Amino acid sequence: MNAPLQSLGEQDLFPIQMGASAIEAKLNVLKSLKDPSVLEPQLSPLMAKLDTLNTIERSDVQVQPYSVLENPATPLNRDKPKRALIAVLGTLLGGMLGVAIVLVRFAFKRD
C-alpha cells in the first residue's frame, strides 16, 4: 500500500496505515537527525550521563546495567517477632529444664 489512509491512530513509531512512501520519508528524516533528544526529550539526561561515563578512563571498572522488574510496595503487615510462639516455647523449655534439674537433684540425693 503506497497511499496513506485518512485516520492515523498513531500508536507506533511506524504505523502500517501511513503507506510505504510516508514511512520511507519518515525513516529518512529519522536517519538524518544528529540529536535523538529532539524526538524524545527524556534522552537528554541519559545522554549526559553516558558522556560523563565515557570521560572516565579506568579500564578495570566494569559497569553492569540493571532494570527494576517491579516497583517497591509497602508490606501488608509489619515484620515483628512472634511473641506468642516465643512465650510458649520459653514456657516449655523452662518446664523441661526445671523437671530435669529436679530429677538430677533427686538422683544424687538418694546416695
N, C-alpha and C. Protein backbone atom coordinates (compact mmCIF):
# COMPACT_ATOMS: atom_id res chain seq x y z
N MET A 1 0.85 -1.15 0.00
CA MET A 1 0.00 0.00 0.00
C MET A 1 0.91 1.23 0.00
N ASN A 2 0.81 2.05 -1.00
CA ASN A 2 1.62 3.26 -1.11
C ASN A 2 0.92 4.48 -0.56
N ALA A 3 -0.39 4.56 -0.76
CA ALA A 3 -1.13 5.75 -0.32
C ALA A 3 -1.53 5.60 1.14
N PRO A 4 -1.40 6.68 1.93
CA PRO A 4 -1.79 6.59 3.33
C PRO A 4 -3.30 6.61 3.52
N LEU A 5 -3.75 6.06 4.62
CA LEU A 5 -5.17 6.11 4.97
C LEU A 5 -5.47 7.41 5.70
N GLN A 6 -6.75 7.77 5.79
CA GLN A 6 -7.12 9.05 6.39
C GLN A 6 -6.91 9.09 7.89
N SER A 7 -7.45 8.12 8.62
CA SER A 7 -7.38 8.19 10.09
C SER A 7 -6.14 7.44 10.57
N LEU A 8 -5.20 8.21 11.05
CA LEU A 8 -3.96 7.61 11.57
C LEU A 8 -4.03 7.59 13.08
N GLY A 9 -4.47 6.50 13.65
CA GLY A 9 -4.44 6.35 15.10
C GLY A 9 -3.04 5.94 15.48
N GLU A 10 -2.09 6.90 15.53
CA GLU A 10 -0.67 6.61 15.64
C GLU A 10 -0.28 6.16 17.04
N GLN A 11 -0.14 4.85 17.24
CA GLN A 11 0.39 4.35 18.49
C GLN A 11 1.84 3.91 18.32
N ASP A 12 2.21 3.50 17.14
CA ASP A 12 3.56 3.02 16.88
C ASP A 12 4.39 4.12 16.23
N LEU A 13 5.70 3.89 16.17
CA LEU A 13 6.57 4.84 15.51
C LEU A 13 6.36 4.81 14.00
N PHE A 14 6.15 3.61 13.46
CA PHE A 14 5.91 3.44 12.03
C PHE A 14 4.62 2.64 11.82
N PRO A 15 3.45 3.27 11.96
CA PRO A 15 2.21 2.52 11.75
C PRO A 15 2.05 2.16 10.27
N ILE A 16 1.53 0.99 10.04
CA ILE A 16 1.42 0.47 8.67
C ILE A 16 0.43 1.26 7.83
N GLN A 17 -0.53 1.97 8.48
CA GLN A 17 -1.55 2.70 7.74
C GLN A 17 -0.98 3.95 7.06
N MET A 18 0.25 4.33 7.37
CA MET A 18 0.84 5.54 6.77
C MET A 18 1.10 5.37 5.29
N GLY A 19 1.35 4.17 4.85
CA GLY A 19 1.72 3.94 3.46
C GLY A 19 3.23 3.87 3.33
N ALA A 20 3.69 3.23 2.28
CA ALA A 20 5.12 2.98 2.11
C ALA A 20 5.91 4.26 1.89
N SER A 21 5.37 5.18 1.11
CA SER A 21 6.13 6.41 0.83
C SER A 21 6.24 7.29 2.07
N ALA A 22 5.20 7.35 2.89
CA ALA A 22 5.25 8.15 4.11
C ALA A 22 6.20 7.52 5.12
N ILE A 23 6.19 6.21 5.22
CA ILE A 23 7.11 5.53 6.15
C ILE A 23 8.54 5.74 5.70
N GLU A 24 8.79 5.67 4.39
CA GLU A 24 10.14 5.88 3.87
C GLU A 24 10.61 7.30 4.13
N ALA A 25 9.72 8.28 3.94
CA ALA A 25 10.09 9.67 4.21
C ALA A 25 10.37 9.87 5.70
N LYS A 26 9.57 9.27 6.56
CA LYS A 26 9.78 9.40 8.00
C LYS A 26 11.09 8.75 8.41
N LEU A 27 11.40 7.61 7.81
CA LEU A 27 12.66 6.93 8.11
C LEU A 27 13.85 7.76 7.67
N ASN A 28 13.77 8.42 6.52
CA ASN A 28 14.86 9.28 6.05
C ASN A 28 15.07 10.46 6.99
N VAL A 29 13.97 11.04 7.48
CA VAL A 29 14.09 12.15 8.43
C VAL A 29 14.74 11.67 9.72
N LEU A 30 14.33 10.50 10.21
CA LEU A 30 14.91 9.98 11.45
C LEU A 30 16.39 9.65 11.29
N LYS A 31 16.79 9.16 10.12
CA LYS A 31 18.20 8.85 9.89
C LYS A 31 19.04 10.11 9.81
N SER A 32 18.45 11.21 9.37
CA SER A 32 19.21 12.45 9.21
C SER A 32 19.37 13.20 10.54
N LEU A 33 18.63 12.83 11.56
CA LEU A 33 18.74 13.52 12.86
C LEU A 33 20.07 13.20 13.51
N LYS A 34 20.73 14.25 14.00
CA LYS A 34 22.00 14.06 14.71
C LYS A 34 21.77 13.93 16.21
N ASP A 35 20.74 14.60 16.73
CA ASP A 35 20.46 14.61 18.16
C ASP A 35 19.12 13.90 18.40
N PRO A 36 19.14 12.67 18.94
CA PRO A 36 17.88 11.94 19.14
C PRO A 36 16.99 12.53 20.24
N SER A 37 17.53 13.45 21.05
CA SER A 37 16.71 14.02 22.11
C SER A 37 15.67 14.99 21.56
N VAL A 38 15.75 15.33 20.27
CA VAL A 38 14.72 16.17 19.66
C VAL A 38 13.39 15.42 19.65
N LEU A 39 13.46 14.13 19.36
CA LEU A 39 12.23 13.32 19.33
C LEU A 39 11.80 12.90 20.73
N GLU A 40 12.74 12.56 21.57
CA GLU A 40 12.43 12.06 22.91
C GLU A 40 13.21 12.89 23.92
N PRO A 41 12.57 13.88 24.56
CA PRO A 41 13.30 14.77 25.49
C PRO A 41 13.89 14.04 26.69
N GLN A 42 13.38 12.86 27.02
CA GLN A 42 13.91 12.12 28.17
C GLN A 42 15.30 11.54 27.89
N LEU A 43 15.71 11.56 26.62
CA LEU A 43 17.03 11.03 26.28
C LEU A 43 18.16 11.97 26.66
N SER A 44 17.88 13.24 26.79
CA SER A 44 18.96 14.20 27.03
C SER A 44 19.66 13.97 28.38
N PRO A 45 18.97 13.70 29.50
CA PRO A 45 19.72 13.38 30.73
C PRO A 45 20.51 12.08 30.61
N LEU A 46 19.95 11.11 29.90
CA LEU A 46 20.68 9.84 29.72
C LEU A 46 21.93 10.04 28.88
N MET A 47 21.83 10.88 27.85
CA MET A 47 23.00 11.15 27.02
C MET A 47 24.08 11.87 27.83
N ALA A 48 23.66 12.78 28.73
CA ALA A 48 24.63 13.47 29.58
C ALA A 48 25.33 12.49 30.51
N LYS A 49 24.57 11.54 31.06
CA LYS A 49 25.18 10.53 31.93
C LYS A 49 26.15 9.65 31.16
N LEU A 50 25.78 9.29 29.93
CA LEU A 50 26.68 8.48 29.10
C LEU A 50 27.96 9.24 28.78
N ASP A 51 27.84 10.53 28.48
CA ASP A 51 29.04 11.33 28.22
C ASP A 51 29.94 11.39 29.45
N THR A 52 29.33 11.50 30.63
CA THR A 52 30.10 11.50 31.87
C THR A 52 30.81 10.17 32.07
N LEU A 53 30.11 9.08 31.81
CA LEU A 53 30.73 7.76 31.96
C LEU A 53 31.83 7.54 30.94
N ASN A 54 31.69 8.10 29.75
CA ASN A 54 32.72 7.93 28.73
C ASN A 54 33.99 8.72 29.07
N THR A 55 33.88 9.75 29.90
CA THR A 55 35.07 10.51 30.27
C THR A 55 35.92 9.78 31.30
N ILE A 56 35.35 8.82 31.99
CA ILE A 56 36.12 8.06 32.97
C ILE A 56 37.05 7.12 32.21
N GLU A 57 38.33 7.22 32.51
CA GLU A 57 39.32 6.42 31.77
C GLU A 57 39.90 5.32 32.65
N ARG A 58 39.06 4.55 33.28
CA ARG A 58 39.54 3.43 34.08
C ARG A 58 39.14 2.15 33.38
N SER A 59 40.09 1.34 33.05
CA SER A 59 39.81 0.12 32.31
C SER A 59 39.41 -1.03 33.23
N ASP A 60 39.70 -0.94 34.53
CA ASP A 60 39.38 -2.04 35.42
C ASP A 60 37.97 -1.96 35.99
N VAL A 61 37.23 -0.91 35.66
CA VAL A 61 35.87 -0.77 36.16
C VAL A 61 34.90 -1.41 35.18
N GLN A 62 34.09 -2.31 35.68
CA GLN A 62 33.07 -2.95 34.85
C GLN A 62 31.70 -2.46 35.30
N VAL A 63 30.94 -1.91 34.38
CA VAL A 63 29.61 -1.40 34.67
C VAL A 63 28.60 -2.38 34.12
N GLN A 64 27.72 -2.85 34.97
CA GLN A 64 26.69 -3.78 34.52
C GLN A 64 25.33 -3.10 34.66
N PRO A 65 24.60 -3.00 33.58
CA PRO A 65 23.27 -2.37 33.67
C PRO A 65 22.28 -3.27 34.38
N TYR A 66 21.25 -2.68 34.91
CA TYR A 66 20.20 -3.44 35.57
C TYR A 66 18.87 -2.77 35.31
N SER A 67 17.82 -3.50 35.51
CA SER A 67 16.49 -2.91 35.39
C SER A 67 15.62 -3.43 36.53
N VAL A 68 14.70 -2.61 36.95
CA VAL A 68 13.80 -2.96 38.04
C VAL A 68 12.57 -3.63 37.45
N LEU A 69 12.26 -4.84 37.93
CA LEU A 69 11.13 -5.57 37.39
C LEU A 69 9.81 -5.10 37.99
N GLU A 70 9.80 -4.78 39.27
CA GLU A 70 8.57 -4.34 39.92
C GLU A 70 8.87 -3.13 40.79
N ASN A 71 7.90 -2.26 40.93
CA ASN A 71 8.06 -1.13 41.82
C ASN A 71 7.95 -1.61 43.26
N PRO A 72 8.70 -1.00 44.17
CA PRO A 72 8.59 -1.42 45.57
C PRO A 72 7.22 -1.08 46.14
N ALA A 73 6.73 -1.94 47.00
CA ALA A 73 5.42 -1.73 47.62
C ALA A 73 5.56 -1.89 49.13
N THR A 74 4.72 -1.20 49.86
CA THR A 74 4.75 -1.34 51.31
C THR A 74 4.14 -2.69 51.69
N PRO A 75 4.69 -3.35 52.68
CA PRO A 75 4.16 -4.66 53.08
C PRO A 75 2.77 -4.53 53.69
N LEU A 76 2.00 -5.61 53.60
CA LEU A 76 0.65 -5.59 54.14
C LEU A 76 0.64 -5.66 55.66
N ASN A 77 1.57 -6.39 56.24
CA ASN A 77 1.64 -6.46 57.71
C ASN A 77 3.09 -6.23 58.15
N ARG A 78 3.23 -5.79 59.38
CA ARG A 78 4.56 -5.50 59.91
C ARG A 78 5.34 -6.77 60.16
N ASP A 79 6.62 -6.67 60.00
CA ASP A 79 7.50 -7.78 60.33
C ASP A 79 7.84 -7.64 61.80
N LYS A 80 7.39 -8.57 62.61
CA LYS A 80 7.59 -8.46 64.06
C LYS A 80 7.88 -9.83 64.64
N PRO A 81 8.47 -9.88 65.83
CA PRO A 81 8.69 -11.19 66.46
C PRO A 81 7.36 -11.81 66.88
N LYS A 82 7.27 -13.10 66.76
CA LYS A 82 6.04 -13.82 67.13
C LYS A 82 6.08 -14.04 68.64
N ARG A 83 5.48 -13.12 69.38
CA ARG A 83 5.57 -13.14 70.84
C ARG A 83 4.88 -14.36 71.44
N ALA A 84 3.76 -14.77 70.89
CA ALA A 84 3.04 -15.92 71.43
C ALA A 84 3.89 -17.19 71.30
N LEU A 85 4.53 -17.37 70.13
CA LEU A 85 5.36 -18.54 69.91
C LEU A 85 6.57 -18.53 70.85
N ILE A 86 7.16 -17.37 71.05
CA ILE A 86 8.31 -17.26 71.95
C ILE A 86 7.89 -17.58 73.38
N ALA A 87 6.72 -17.11 73.81
CA ALA A 87 6.24 -17.38 75.17
C ALA A 87 5.96 -18.86 75.38
N VAL A 88 5.32 -19.52 74.41
CA VAL A 88 5.01 -20.95 74.54
C VAL A 88 6.29 -21.77 74.57
N LEU A 89 7.22 -21.48 73.63
CA LEU A 89 8.47 -22.24 73.61
C LEU A 89 9.30 -21.99 74.87
N GLY A 90 9.30 -20.77 75.38
CA GLY A 90 10.02 -20.46 76.61
C GLY A 90 9.44 -21.21 77.80
N THR A 91 8.11 -21.26 77.86
CA THR A 91 7.46 -21.98 78.96
C THR A 91 7.79 -23.47 78.90
N LEU A 92 7.70 -24.07 77.70
CA LEU A 92 8.02 -25.49 77.55
C LEU A 92 9.48 -25.77 77.90
N LEU A 93 10.38 -24.94 77.38
CA LEU A 93 11.80 -25.15 77.66
C LEU A 93 12.10 -24.96 79.14
N GLY A 94 11.51 -23.97 79.78
CA GLY A 94 11.71 -23.75 81.21
C GLY A 94 11.15 -24.90 82.04
N GLY A 95 9.98 -25.40 81.65
CA GLY A 95 9.40 -26.55 82.36
C GLY A 95 10.26 -27.78 82.24
N MET A 96 10.74 -28.06 81.03
CA MET A 96 11.59 -29.24 80.83
C MET A 96 12.91 -29.10 81.60
N LEU A 97 13.47 -27.90 81.60
CA LEU A 97 14.72 -27.68 82.32
C LEU A 97 14.49 -27.80 83.82
N GLY A 98 13.38 -27.30 84.32
CA GLY A 98 13.06 -27.43 85.75
C GLY A 98 12.88 -28.88 86.16
N VAL A 99 12.16 -29.67 85.35
CA VAL A 99 11.96 -31.09 85.65
C VAL A 99 13.29 -31.82 85.61
N ALA A 100 14.16 -31.49 84.66
CA ALA A 100 15.47 -32.14 84.55
C ALA A 100 16.32 -31.83 85.79
N ILE A 101 16.29 -30.60 86.25
CA ILE A 101 17.07 -30.23 87.44
C ILE A 101 16.55 -30.97 88.68
N VAL A 102 15.23 -31.06 88.82
CA VAL A 102 14.64 -31.77 89.97
C VAL A 102 15.01 -33.24 89.92
N LEU A 103 14.94 -33.87 88.74
CA LEU A 103 15.29 -35.30 88.61
C LEU A 103 16.77 -35.54 88.91
N VAL A 104 17.65 -34.65 88.45
CA VAL A 104 19.08 -34.82 88.70
C VAL A 104 19.37 -34.66 90.21
N ARG A 105 18.76 -33.69 90.86
CA ARG A 105 18.97 -33.49 92.29
C ARG A 105 18.42 -34.68 93.08
N PHE A 106 17.28 -35.19 92.64
CA PHE A 106 16.68 -36.34 93.33
C PHE A 106 17.55 -37.57 93.17
N ALA A 107 18.16 -37.74 91.97
CA ALA A 107 19.02 -38.91 91.72
C ALA A 107 20.27 -38.85 92.59
N PHE A 108 20.84 -37.67 92.81
CA PHE A 108 22.07 -37.56 93.60
C PHE A 108 21.79 -37.53 95.10
N LYS A 109 20.56 -37.21 95.54
CA LYS A 109 20.24 -37.21 96.97
C LYS A 109 20.08 -38.61 97.51
N ARG A 110 19.71 -39.57 96.72
CA ARG A 110 19.45 -40.92 97.18
C ARG A 110 20.74 -41.62 97.59
N ASP A 111 21.83 -41.17 97.23
CA ASP A 111 23.11 -41.86 97.52
C ASP A 111 23.43 -41.91 98.94
